[in-house]
Amino acid sequence: MARHRVIKLTVGFGLVVLVGLLLTKRSQPVPPKANATETATARGATAESDSPSPRTDQVNLVQTTQLNPEEASFQTSTALWHEKLSELYKLGEVFGPSGEEQFKKLQAFAESLPPADLPDAVRELQEFQKQNPTESGRELQSRLIRRWAENDVRMAAGWTTQMPAGSDRQEALANIASVWARQNFSEAATWAGQLADDNERPSVLMNVANEAVYTDPQSALKLAATLPSDSTRNDLITRATEVWAAQAPEDALAWAKQISGEALREQVIAGIAMTWGGSDPVAAAKLALNSLAPGEFQNKAVIAILQRWTLTDAPGATAWVNQFPEGTLREKATAVLGEAAKRVDRFAVQMPEN
């Protein structure tokens, strides 16, 4: 009996423990299972956070275009320049009542082209000109070549020297020479000096020298001295020495006195005297009387010196003229003094009384 009782108690205790364990497990919360739709949505949200959607790309593209209107316009104009080139080439005459407006159109187009498109534009326009040359085409070609030279002078120069002989080629070479001389005078002079055509070479060298007259007159004179003598070259030499005289009159005079041709030497010294008269009329007056022979150049120099001298020292100018011998020069000089006196009188009348 006792043994059976022990067995019953043991089994009963075990049942109690088992029931307790089952009740404890049921009391713990169980996480709900996610359905398929929720899972796909969650995964899509993660993917969108990692990379932009097609809609986002479209919005960004629209915003970018709106923020860069100049770039969009630039791309459009680049695509349409062929059509615009043909239109401007067909303008024909560019002179007359509407000439100024036509020139503005040509210049605006030349300045608007991207540098990379300039060579193609020049070549395309040249083909138009071969078939049917127009005045507007020639003017536009000149502007395009000049701008091409400003961006790549060596390439533009190489292309220009391959142009057929004629006025268009001469004008193109002149443009190249002017642009190159402003960028590098020595290189431009070397290039121009190597041109094969004996008629083109002096003219192009003159263009190079012209660009240096006001910035480097001594280099301009050195180059001009190698060119054949003519009125154009002589005028350039005179202008360059006048610029030099404004900076260093005695140095310019020493150079001018070495000129072998008498007529050119007189012309140049007269120019120096007139320039010098603005800063030192006494020295200029002595130069005009002592270094110039009586005649046209001396008369021009004396009159120019007097006109400036009377503005700063009328008595000194009068005393100088009174030393002149009787003759044409004294008469002209006296007339200048008379005009100066009249100006002084008119000014005195216009001055209000105190």
Foldseek 3Di string as FASTA:
>chain_A
DVVVVVVVVVVVVVVVVVVVVVVVVVVDDDDDDDDPVVVVVVVVVVVCVVDPDPVVVVVVVVVVCVVCVVVVVLVVCQVCLVVVLVVQQPPFDLDDPCNVVNLVSLLVSLVSHDLVCLVVSLVVLVVVCVVPNGPSSLSSNLSSLLVNCLVPLVVSVVVLLPDDDDDSSLSSLLSSLLNVLVVPLVVSLVVLCPRDDPVSSLVSLLSSLLNCLQPPLVVSLVSLVVHDDDPSSLVSNLSSLLNVLLVPLVVSLVVLVPDPDPVSSLSNQLSSLLSVLQPDLVVSLCSLVPVHDPDDSSLVSLLSSLLNCLVPPLVVLVVVLVPDDDDDSSVSSVVSSVVSVVVVVVVVVPDDDD
